[in-house]
Amino acid sequence: MFAVRVFLSAFFWIYLGVSLAVFWFAVVIPWLFTLPFDRRRRFAHWYACVWANHYIKLSPFWEMRHEGLEHFDKDEAFVIVANHQSIADIMVMFTTFRQFRWVSKHTVFYVPFMGWMMKMANYIGIRRGDAKSRQKMLRACKDHLTMGNSIMIFPEGTRSEDRQLRAFKRGAFQLAVDTGHRVLPILIDGTHNALPKDTWIFRNEGKITLQVRTLPPLDPADYGNDPQRLKEAAKQTMAEQLADLRAEPEPDGFEQPAGHPLPADATAPRKPRDSEPAPGFSPGV
């Protein structure tokens, strides 16, 4: 079985690289055509959603399930905060087909095809530990919110190794307070079972349900425009809803990968660990 998983995983990563190139060449001319009329770069982001969604649609091992998407109003710009378990979270978030902009490590923008597509969609880069870069990133986030684009941030700053919520950083909530935009909490589950941290090999042990639950927005004014209170409220709400999500019976056909039982408490105490940021989007601010 392990050899089969290695083979299928290698096939996926090769297909990812080839398809990225194909998708990029296919979009360049239409993107240039729309550029003068698309200040928000809506087309480029929509195309990224199509690109990411097709991987999930093609996989016989993954099944998407959305709840609460009505809370993600297409006509409102939010500061989105989501838990982070896997690189696959990125593809899963694109399946919402909502307009948002990622905050990502600046190095990802130099990756051929992927980084170029990110620039075309006007995603936001940041150099970790660089105060000037952080200020530039915050200005870009505010500009996007003013234009009507939501901002997507993983407040944990890195992927969880055990599916439990890690400590939240303050930046996303300070941004919401500074701009007056509501925080939209989103829960992602199942991606750790598909592709855990620190491995490139997928777990193709039965059908895996990838779940996205969008929660009601939180208004900074309801928390006295205090980013700390807003952060604590968001984490508490997300922890409660994550435990509820995992308590639900799995859909028909779901098989929990052997040897990977669900944790009893999604927010159980965990030993703090200095960890590197995820090698992809949204390092947390």
C-alpha atoms as a PDB file:
ATOM      1  CA  MET A   1       0.000   0.000   0.000  1.00  0.00           C
ATOM      2  CA  PHE A   2       2.794   2.405   0.867  1.00  0.00           C
ATOM      3  CA  ALA A   3       4.411   1.904  -2.527  1.00  0.00           C
ATOM      4  CA  VAL A   4       1.082   2.684  -4.193  1.00  0.00           C
ATOM      5  CA  ARG A   5       0.713   5.875  -2.162  1.00  0.00           C
ATOM      6  CA  VAL A   6       4.236   6.935  -3.099  1.00  0.00           C
ATOM      7  CA  PHE A   7       3.504   6.317  -6.782  1.00  0.00           C
ATOM      8  CA  LEU A   8       0.180   8.207  -6.703  1.00  0.00           C
ATOM      9  CA  SER A   9       1.721  11.074  -4.748  1.00  0.00           C
ATOM     10  CA  ALA A  10       4.610  11.374  -7.200  1.00  0.00           C
ATOM     11  CA  PHE A  11       2.124  11.345 -10.076  1.00  0.00           C
ATOM     12  CA  PHE A  12       0.133  14.150  -8.438  1.00  0.00           C
ATOM     13  CA  TRP A  13       3.155  16.403  -7.919  1.00  0.00           C
ATOM     14  CA  ILE A  14       4.341  15.845 -11.486  1.00  0.00           C
ATOM     15  CA  TYR A  15       0.839  16.572 -12.767  1.00  0.00           C
ATOM     16  CA  LEU A  16       0.719  19.691 -10.579  1.00  0.00           C
ATOM     17  CA  GLY A  17       3.893  21.045 -12.126  1.00  0.00           C
ATOM     18  CA  VAL A  18       2.827  20.310 -15.695  1.00  0.00           C
ATOM     19  CA  SER A  19      -0.733  21.589 -15.234  1.00  0.00           C
ATOM     20  CA  LEU A  20       0.511  24.796 -13.600  1.00  0.00           C
ATOM     21  CA  ALA A  21       2.445  25.577 -16.761  1.00  0.00           C
ATOM     22  CA  VAL A  22      -0.533  24.724 -18.977  1.00  0.00           C
ATOM     23  CA  PHE A  23      -2.930  26.827 -16.890  1.00  0.00           C
ATOM     24  CA  TRP A  24      -0.519  29.769 -16.860  1.00  0.00           C
ATOM     25  CA  PHE A  25       0.025  29.839 -20.625  1.00  0.00           C
ATOM     26  CA  ALA A  26      -3.731  29.487 -21.148  1.00  0.00           C
ATOM     27  CA  VAL A  27      -4.538  32.547 -19.019  1.00  0.00           C
ATOM     28  CA  VAL A  28      -1.866  35.074 -20.021  1.00  0.00           C
ATOM     29  CA  ILE A  29      -3.677  36.516 -23.050  1.00  0.00           C
ATOM     30  CA  PRO A  30      -7.150  36.691 -21.414  1.00  0.00           C
ATOM     31  CA  TRP A  31      -5.554  38.264 -18.313  1.00  0.00           C
ATOM     32  CA  LEU A  32      -3.862  40.972 -20.393  1.00  0.00           C
ATOM     33  CA  PHE A  33      -7.181  41.587 -22.117  1.00  0.00           C
ATOM     34  CA  THR A  34      -9.044  42.109 -18.803  1.00  0.00           C
ATOM     35  CA  LEU A  35      -6.278  44.005 -17.007  1.00  0.00           C
ATOM     36  CA  PRO A  36      -7.338  47.563 -17.973  1.00  0.00           C
ATOM     37  CA  PHE A  37     -10.914  46.892 -16.803  1.00  0.00           C
ATOM     38  CA  ASP A  38     -10.260  44.725 -13.746  1.00  0.00           C
ATOM     39  CA  ARG A  39      -8.647  46.833 -11.048  1.00  0.00           C
ATOM     40  CA  ARG A  40      -9.465  44.251  -8.370  1.00  0.00           C
ATOM     41  CA  ARG A  41      -7.962  41.396 -10.457  1.00  0.00           C
ATOM     42  CA  ARG A  42     -11.178  39.431 -10.000  1.00  0.00           C
ATOM     43  CA  PHE A  43     -10.629  37.401 -13.162  1.00  0.00           C
ATOM     44  CA  ALA A  44      -7.168  36.212 -12.115  1.00  0.00           C
ATOM     45  CA  HIS A  45      -8.423  35.072  -8.718  1.00  0.00           C
ATOM     46  CA  TRP A  46     -11.450  33.350 -10.261  1.00  0.00           C
ATOM     47  CA  TYR A  47      -9.085  31.528 -12.597  1.00  0.00           C
ATOM     48  CA  ALA A  48      -6.979  30.436  -9.601  1.00  0.00           C
ATOM     49  CA  CYS A  49     -10.168  29.017  -8.066  1.00  0.00           C
ATOM     50  CA  VAL A  50     -10.838  27.024 -11.236  1.00  0.00           C
ATOM     51  CA  TRP A  51      -7.225  25.828 -11.267  1.00  0.00           C
ATOM     52  CA  ALA A  52      -7.302  24.610  -7.650  1.00  0.00           C
ATOM     53  CA  ASN A  53     -10.809  23.188  -7.818  1.00  0.00           C
ATOM     54  CA  HIS A  54     -10.004  20.873 -10.709  1.00  0.00           C
ATOM     55  CA  TYR A  55      -7.436  18.955  -8.623  1.00  0.00           C
ATOM     56  CA  ILE A  56     -10.045  18.128  -5.997  1.00  0.00           C
ATOM     57  CA  LYS A  57     -12.636  17.242  -8.637  1.00  0.00           C
ATOM     58  CA  LEU A  58     -10.220  14.850 -10.343  1.00  0.00           C
ATOM     59  CA  SER A  59      -9.165  13.059  -7.162  1.00  0.00           C
ATOM     60  CA  PRO A  60     -11.103   9.863  -6.410  1.00  0.00           C
ATOM     61  CA  PHE A  61      -9.936  10.068  -2.786  1.00  0.00           C
ATOM     62  CA  TRP A  62     -11.257  13.515  -1.828  1.00  0.00           C
ATOM     63  CA  GLU A  63     -14.767  14.792  -1.349  1.00  0.00           C
ATOM     64  CA  MET A  64     -15.599  18.442  -0.589  1.00  0.00           C
ATOM     65  CA  ARG A  65     -18.275  19.535   1.853  1.00  0.00           C
ATOM     66  CA  HIS A  66     -19.201  23.186   2.552  1.00  0.00           C
ATOM     67  CA  GLU A  67     -21.312  24.566   5.388  1.00  0.00           C
ATOM     68  CA  GLY A  68     -22.298  28.153   6.155  1.00  0.00           C
ATOM     69  CA  LEU A  69     -21.040  29.621   2.888  1.00  0.00           C
ATOM     70  CA  GLU A  70     -23.960  32.059   3.023  1.00  0.00           C
ATOM     71  CA  HIS A  71     -21.998  33.922   5.750  1.00  0.00           C
ATOM     72  CA  PHE A  72     -19.338  34.731   3.136  1.00  0.00           C
ATOM     73  CA  ASP A  73     -21.229  37.600   1.519  1.00  0.00           C
ATOM     74  CA  LYS A  74     -19.884  38.277  -1.971  1.00  0.00           C
ATOM     75  CA  ASP A  75     -20.618  41.989  -1.532  1.00  0.00           C
ATOM     76  CA  GLU A  76     -18.637  42.472   1.686  1.00  0.00           C
ATOM     77  CA  ALA A  77     -14.877  42.514   2.260  1.00  0.00           C
ATOM     78  CA  PHE A  78     -13.777  40.526   5.319  1.00  0.00           C
ATOM     79  CA  VAL A  79     -10.610  39.781   7.209  1.00  0.00           C
ATOM     80  CA  ILE A  80     -10.750  35.999   6.920  1.00  0.00           C
ATOM     81  CA  VAL A  81      -9.107  33.834   9.583  1.00  0.00           C
ATOM     82  CA  ALA A  82      -8.868  30.068   9.122  1.00  0.00           C
ATOM     83  CA  ASN A  83      -7.164  27.220  10.943  1.00  0.00           C
ATOM     84  CA  HIS A  84      -4.215  25.643   9.165  1.00  0.00           C
ATOM     85  CA  GLN A  85      -3.444  21.915   8.982  1.00  0.00           C
ATOM     86  CA  SER A  86      -1.982  21.226   5.569  1.00  0.00           C
ATOM     87  CA  ILE A  87      -0.756  22.684   2.282  1.00  0.00           C
ATOM     88  CA  ALA A  88      -4.034  21.306   0.935  1.00  0.00           C
ATOM     89  CA  ASP A  89      -5.846  24.059   2.891  1.00  0.00           C
ATOM     90  CA  ILE A  90      -4.894  26.409   0.064  1.00  0.00           C
ATOM     91  CA  MET A  91      -6.702  24.384  -2.595  1.00  0.00           C
ATOM     92  CA  VAL A  92      -9.666  23.846  -0.276  1.00  0.00           C
ATOM     93  CA  MET A  93     -10.103  27.581   0.324  1.00  0.00           C
ATOM     94  CA  PHE A  94     -10.196  28.215  -3.419  1.00  0.00           C
ATOM     95  CA  THR A  95     -13.278  25.966  -3.662  1.00  0.00           C
ATOM     96  CA  THR A  96     -15.342  28.727  -2.030  1.00  0.00           C
ATOM     97  CA  PHE A  97     -15.094  30.701  -5.290  1.00  0.00           C
ATOM     98  CA  ARG A  98     -15.120  33.930  -3.267  1.00  0.00           C
ATOM     99  CA  GLN A  99     -12.934  36.968  -3.902  1.00  0.00           C
ATOM    100  CA  PHE A 100     -10.088  37.141  -1.391  1.00  0.00           C
ATOM    101  CA  ARG A 101      -6.362  37.795  -1.464  1.00  0.00           C
ATOM    102  CA  TRP A 102      -3.735  35.641   0.197  1.00  0.00           C
ATOM    103  CA  VAL A 103      -0.899  36.944   2.308  1.00  0.00           C
ATOM    104  CA  SER A 104       2.129  34.826   1.413  1.00  0.00           C
ATOM    105  CA  LYS A 105       5.854  34.576   1.991  1.00  0.00           C
ATOM    106  CA  HIS A 106       7.631  36.673  -0.617  1.00  0.00           C
ATOM    107  CA  THR A 107       9.740  33.722  -1.800  1.00  0.00           C
ATOM    108  CA  VAL A 108       6.671  31.921  -3.178  1.00  0.00           C
ATOM    109  CA  PHE A 109       6.216  34.687  -5.757  1.00  0.00           C
ATOM    110  CA  TYR A 110       9.471  33.562  -7.408  1.00  0.00           C
ATOM    111  CA  VAL A 111       8.241  29.997  -7.998  1.00  0.00           C
ATOM    112  CA  PRO A 112       7.717  29.597 -11.773  1.00  0.00           C
ATOM    113  CA  PHE A 113       4.104  29.632 -12.920  1.00  0.00           C
ATOM    114  CA  MET A 114       2.623  29.485  -9.404  1.00  0.00           C
ATOM    115  CA  GLY A 115       4.319  32.679  -8.270  1.00  0.00           C
ATOM    116  CA  TRP A 116       3.527  34.349 -11.572  1.00  0.00           C
ATOM    117  CA  MET A 117      -0.151  33.494 -11.205  1.00  0.00           C
ATOM    118  CA  MET A 118      -0.070  34.923  -7.678  1.00  0.00           C
ATOM    119  CA  LYS A 119       1.333  38.196  -8.998  1.00  0.00           C
ATOM    120  CA  MET A 120      -1.344  38.282 -11.681  1.00  0.00           C
ATOM    121  CA  ALA A 121      -4.030  37.996  -8.982  1.00  0.00           C
ATOM    122  CA  ASN A 122      -2.271  40.701  -6.931  1.00  0.00           C
ATOM    123  CA  TYR A 123      -1.727  38.550  -3.848  1.00  0.00           C
ATOM    124  CA  ILE A 124       0.329  40.089  -1.068  1.00  0.00           C
ATOM    125  CA  GLY A 125       3.897  39.170  -0.175  1.00  0.00           C
ATOM    126  CA  ILE A 126       5.726  39.576   3.109  1.00  0.00           C
ATOM    127  CA  ARG A 127       9.282  38.999   4.298  1.00  0.00           C
ATOM    128  CA  ARG A 128       9.107  37.410   7.730  1.00  0.00           C
ATOM    129  CA  GLY A 129      10.918  39.386  10.401  1.00  0.00           C
ATOM    130  CA  ASP A 130      11.189  42.482   8.197  1.00  0.00           C
ATOM    131  CA  ALA A 131       9.361  45.438   9.787  1.00  0.00           C
ATOM    132  CA  LYS A 132       9.284  47.466   6.559  1.00  0.00           C
ATOM    133  CA  SER A 133       7.866  44.530   4.642  1.00  0.00           C
ATOM    134  CA  ARG A 134       5.206  44.067   7.299  1.00  0.00           C
ATOM    135  CA  GLN A 135       4.157  47.702   7.024  1.00  0.00           C
ATOM    136  CA  LYS A 136       4.032  47.431   3.236  1.00  0.00           C
ATOM    137  CA  MET A 137       1.932  44.285   3.548  1.00  0.00           C
ATOM    138  CA  LEU A 138      -0.514  45.992   5.924  1.00  0.00           C
ATOM    139  CA  ARG A 139      -0.917  48.922   3.522  1.00  0.00           C
ATOM    140  CA  ALA A 140      -1.623  46.488   0.683  1.00  0.00           C
ATOM    141  CA  CYS A 141      -4.185  44.644   2.824  1.00  0.00           C
ATOM    142  CA  LYS A 142      -5.960  47.902   3.620  1.00  0.00           C
ATOM    143  CA  ASP A 143      -5.988  48.876  -0.057  1.00  0.00           C
ATOM    144  CA  HIS A 144      -7.549  45.545  -1.005  1.00  0.00           C
ATOM    145  CA  LEU A 145     -10.198  45.833   1.702  1.00  0.00           C
ATOM    146  CA  THR A 146     -11.041  49.331   0.469  1.00  0.00           C
ATOM    147  CA  MET A 147     -11.426  47.964  -3.083  1.00  0.00           C
ATOM    148  CA  GLY A 148     -13.754  45.225  -1.832  1.00  0.00           C
ATOM    149  CA  ASN A 149     -11.378  42.242  -1.723  1.00  0.00           C
ATOM    150  CA  SER A 150     -11.312  40.141   1.422  1.00  0.00           C
ATOM    151  CA  ILE A 151      -7.946  39.276   2.992  1.00  0.00           C
ATOM    152  CA  MET A 152      -7.144  35.670   3.889  1.00  0.00           C
ATOM    153  CA  ILE A 153      -4.809  35.003   6.830  1.00  0.00           C
ATOM    154  CA  PHE A 154      -3.926  31.881   8.820  1.00  0.00           C
ATOM    155  CA  PRO A 155      -3.618  33.428  12.322  1.00  0.00           C
ATOM    156  CA  GLU A 156      -1.716  30.397  13.649  1.00  0.00           C
ATOM    157  CA  GLY A 157       1.115  31.326  11.293  1.00  0.00           C
ATOM    158  CA  THR A 158       2.042  27.733  10.486  1.00  0.00           C
ATOM    159  CA  ARG A 159       0.433  24.349  10.037  1.00  0.00           C
ATOM    160  CA  SER A 160      -0.674  22.325  13.037  1.00  0.00           C
ATOM    161  CA  GLU A 161       1.019  18.950  13.371  1.00  0.00           C
ATOM    162  CA  ASP A 162      -1.794  17.360  15.396  1.00  0.00           C
ATOM    163  CA  ARG A 163      -4.958  19.100  14.074  1.00  0.00           C
ATOM    164  CA  GLN A 164      -5.295  21.115  17.276  1.00  0.00           C
ATOM    165  CA  LEU A 165      -5.597  24.894  17.185  1.00  0.00           C
ATOM    166  CA  ARG A 166      -2.337  26.676  17.898  1.00  0.00           C
ATOM    167  CA  ALA A 167      -1.972  30.127  19.443  1.00  0.00           C
ATOM    168  CA  PHE A 168      -3.332  32.942  17.256  1.00  0.00           C
ATOM    169  CA  LYS A 169      -1.208  35.903  16.264  1.00  0.00           C
ATOM    170  CA  ARG A 170      -2.577  39.411  16.640  1.00  0.00           C
ATOM    171  CA  GLY A 171      -2.065  40.860  13.153  1.00  0.00           C
ATOM    172  CA  ALA A 172      -5.315  39.824  11.439  1.00  0.00           C
ATOM    173  CA  PHE A 173      -7.397  41.164  14.302  1.00  0.00           C
ATOM    174  CA  GLN A 174      -5.473  44.433  14.470  1.00  0.00           C
ATOM    175  CA  LEU A 175      -6.113  44.806  10.741  1.00  0.00           C
ATOM    176  CA  ALA A 176      -9.842  44.300  11.284  1.00  0.00           C
ATOM    177  CA  VAL A 177      -9.919  46.887  14.076  1.00  0.00           C
ATOM    178  CA  ASP A 178      -7.861  49.413  12.089  1.00  0.00           C
ATOM    179  CA  THR A 179     -10.096  49.139   9.015  1.00  0.00           C
ATOM    180  CA  GLY A 180     -13.473  48.436  10.649  1.00  0.00           C
ATOM    181  CA  HIS A 181     -13.974  45.309   8.553  1.00  0.00           C
ATOM    182  CA  ARG A 182     -15.555  42.260  10.115  1.00  0.00           C
ATOM    183  CA  VAL A 183     -13.611  39.077  10.854  1.00  0.00           C
ATOM    184  CA  LEU A 184     -14.876  35.979   9.078  1.00  0.00           C
ATOM    185  CA  PRO A 185     -13.809  32.763  10.878  1.00  0.00           C
ATOM    186  CA  ILE A 186     -13.518  29.682   8.666  1.00  0.00           C
ATOM    187  CA  LEU A 187     -12.844  26.123   9.781  1.00  0.00           C
ATOM    188  CA  ILE A 188     -11.011  23.645   7.564  1.00  0.00           C
ATOM    189  CA  ASP A 189     -10.920  19.957   8.474  1.00  0.00           C
ATOM    190  CA  GLY A 190      -9.835  16.750   6.789  1.00  0.00           C
ATOM    191  CA  THR A 191      -6.814  18.176   4.992  1.00  0.00           C
ATOM    192  CA  HIS A 192      -4.415  16.845   7.646  1.00  0.00           C
ATOM    193  CA  ASN A 193      -5.762  13.358   6.928  1.00  0.00           C
ATOM    194  CA  ALA A 194      -5.064  13.924   3.223  1.00  0.00           C
ATOM    195  CA  LEU A 195      -1.599  15.515   3.417  1.00  0.00           C
ATOM    196  CA  PRO A 196      -0.003  15.982   6.870  1.00  0.00           C
ATOM    197  CA  LYS A 197       2.777  18.420   7.599  1.00  0.00           C
ATOM    198  CA  ASP A 198       6.376  17.522   6.715  1.00  0.00           C
ATOM    199  CA  THR A 199       5.588  14.974   4.019  1.00  0.00           C
ATOM    200  CA  TRP A 200       4.862  14.982   0.291  1.00  0.00           C
ATOM    201  CA  ILE A 201       3.104  11.611   0.397  1.00  0.00           C
ATOM    202  CA  PHE A 202      -0.683  11.676   0.449  1.00  0.00           C
ATOM    203  CA  ARG A 203      -2.743   9.414   2.678  1.00  0.00           C
ATOM    204  CA  ASN A 204      -4.956   7.638   0.186  1.00  0.00           C
ATOM    205  CA  GLU A 205      -6.440   5.224   2.708  1.00  0.00           C
ATOM    206  CA  GLY A 206     -10.131   5.389   1.902  1.00  0.00           C
ATOM    207  CA  LYS A 207     -12.306   8.331   0.975  1.00  0.00           C
ATOM    208  CA  ILE A 208     -11.415  11.547   2.821  1.00  0.00           C
ATOM    209  CA  THR A 209     -13.950  14.305   3.297  1.00  0.00           C
ATOM    210  CA  LEU A 210     -12.474  17.813   3.151  1.00  0.00           C
ATOM    211  CA  GLN A 211     -14.739  20.134   5.089  1.00  0.00           C
ATOM    212  CA  VAL A 212     -15.091  23.906   5.166  1.00  0.00           C
ATOM    213  CA  ARG A 213     -17.416  25.495   7.716  1.00  0.00           C
ATOM    214  CA  THR A 214     -17.867  29.268   7.446  1.00  0.00           C
ATOM    215  CA  LEU A 215     -18.952  30.875  10.729  1.00  0.00           C
ATOM    216  CA  PRO A 216     -20.908  34.105  11.276  1.00  0.00           C
ATOM    217  CA  PRO A 217     -18.710  37.240  11.033  1.00  0.00           C
ATOM    218  CA  LEU A 218     -17.436  39.020  14.144  1.00  0.00           C
ATOM    219  CA  ASP A 219     -17.715  42.807  14.282  1.00  0.00           C
ATOM    220  CA  PRO A 220     -14.730  44.536  15.966  1.00  0.00           C
ATOM    221  CA  ALA A 221     -17.144  47.109  17.450  1.00  0.00           C
ATOM    222  CA  ASP A 222     -18.840  44.348  19.450  1.00  0.00           C
ATOM    223  CA  TYR A 223     -15.537  43.779  21.235  1.00  0.00           C
ATOM    224  CA  GLY A 224     -14.764  47.416  21.962  1.00  0.00           C
ATOM    225  CA  ASN A 225     -12.420  47.575  18.951  1.00  0.00           C
ATOM    226  CA  ASP A 226      -9.926  45.673  21.085  1.00  0.00           C
ATOM    227  CA  PRO A 227      -7.848  43.304  18.904  1.00  0.00           C
ATOM    228  CA  GLN A 228      -7.007  41.087  21.882  1.00  0.00           C
ATOM    229  CA  ARG A 229     -10.672  40.548  22.785  1.00  0.00           C
ATOM    230  CA  LEU A 230     -11.521  40.021  19.133  1.00  0.00           C
ATOM    231  CA  LYS A 231      -8.733  37.455  18.780  1.00  0.00           C
ATOM    232  CA  GLU A 232      -9.860  35.567  21.887  1.00  0.00           C
ATOM    233  CA  ALA A 233     -13.484  35.570  20.738  1.00  0.00           C
ATOM    234  CA  ALA A 234     -12.533  34.252  17.308  1.00  0.00           C
ATOM    235  CA  LYS A 235     -10.389  31.468  18.711  1.00  0.00           C
ATOM    236  CA  GLN A 236     -13.000  30.421  21.260  1.00  0.00           C
ATOM    237  CA  THR A 237     -15.732  30.335  18.618  1.00  0.00           C
ATOM    238  CA  MET A 238     -13.541  28.399  16.205  1.00  0.00           C
ATOM    239  CA  ALA A 239     -12.479  25.916  18.893  1.00  0.00           C
ATOM    240  CA  GLU A 240     -16.077  25.218  19.885  1.00  0.00           C
ATOM    241  CA  GLN A 241     -17.220  24.842  16.286  1.00  0.00           C
ATOM    242  CA  LEU A 242     -14.241  22.667  15.368  1.00  0.00           C
ATOM    243  CA  ALA A 243     -15.062  20.275  18.210  1.00  0.00           C
ATOM    244  CA  ASP A 244     -18.681  20.256  17.036  1.00  0.00           C
ATOM    245  CA  LEU A 245     -17.635  19.608  13.446  1.00  0.00           C
ATOM    246  CA  ARG A 246     -15.516  16.643  14.454  1.00  0.00           C
ATOM    247  CA  ALA A 247     -18.286  15.239  16.643  1.00  0.00           C
ATOM    248  CA  GLU A 248     -20.619  14.911  13.671  1.00  0.00           C
ATOM    249  CA  PRO A 249     -21.013  11.477  12.043  1.00  0.00           C
ATOM    250  CA  GLU A 250     -18.889  11.171   8.947  1.00  0.00           C
ATOM    251  CA  PRO A 251     -20.675  11.055   5.573  1.00  0.00           C
ATOM    252  CA  ASP A 252     -21.401   7.671   4.020  1.00  0.00           C
ATOM    253  CA  GLY A 253     -18.339   6.164   2.436  1.00  0.00           C
ATOM    254  CA  PHE A 254     -15.861   7.969   4.709  1.00  0.00           C
ATOM    255  CA  GLU A 255     -13.067   5.820   6.089  1.00  0.00           C
ATOM    256  CA  GLN A 256     -10.832   7.206   8.820  1.00  0.00           C
ATOM    257  CA  PRO A 257      -7.209   6.388   7.946  1.00  0.00           C
ATOM    258  CA  ALA A 258      -5.970   3.585  10.151  1.00  0.00           C
ATOM    259  CA  GLY A 259      -3.649   4.683  12.921  1.00  0.00           C
ATOM    260  CA  HIS A 260      -4.832   8.303  12.798  1.00  0.00           C
ATOM    261  CA  PRO A 261      -7.704   8.639  15.300  1.00  0.00           C
ATOM    262  CA  LEU A 262      -9.366  11.984  15.815  1.00  0.00           C
ATOM    263  CA  PRO A 263      -8.164  13.910  18.885  1.00  0.00           C
ATOM    264  CA  ALA A 264     -10.667  14.064  21.712  1.00  0.00           C
ATOM    265  CA  ASP A 265     -10.275  17.811  22.103  1.00  0.00           C
ATOM    266  CA  ALA A 266      -9.491  20.122  19.225  1.00  0.00           C
ATOM    267  CA  THR A 267      -8.001  22.671  21.618  1.00  0.00           C
ATOM    268  CA  ALA A 268      -6.205  20.399  24.071  1.00  0.00           C
ATOM    269  CA  PRO A 269      -3.017  21.905  25.567  1.00  0.00           C
ATOM    270  CA  ARG A 270       0.058  21.189  23.519  1.00  0.00           C
ATOM    271  CA  LYS A 271       3.730  21.673  24.119  1.00  0.00           C
ATOM    272  CA  PRO A 272       4.868  24.922  22.501  1.00  0.00           C
ATOM    273  CA  ARG A 273       7.315  24.476  19.671  1.00  0.00           C
ATOM    274  CA  ASP A 274       9.246  26.867  17.511  1.00  0.00           C
ATOM    275  CA  SER A 275       8.146  25.910  14.045  1.00  0.00           C
ATOM    276  CA  GLU A 276       8.890  27.073  10.578  1.00  0.00           C
ATOM    277  CA  PRO A 277       6.108  28.748   8.604  1.00  0.00           C
ATOM    278  CA  ALA A 278       4.152  26.817   6.037  1.00  0.00           C
ATOM    279  CA  PRO A 279       5.916  26.668   2.667  1.00  0.00           C
ATOM    280  CA  GLY A 280       3.058  28.433   0.971  1.00  0.00           C
ATOM    281  CA  PHE A 281       0.499  31.079   1.706  1.00  0.00           C
ATOM    282  CA  SER A 282      -0.332  33.335   4.603  1.00  0.00           C
ATOM    283  CA  PRO A 283       2.426  33.134   7.221  1.00  0.00           C
ATOM    284  CA  GLY A 284       0.217  34.870   9.777  1.00  0.00           C
ATOM    285  CA  VAL A 285       0.770  38.437  10.877  1.00  0.00           C
END
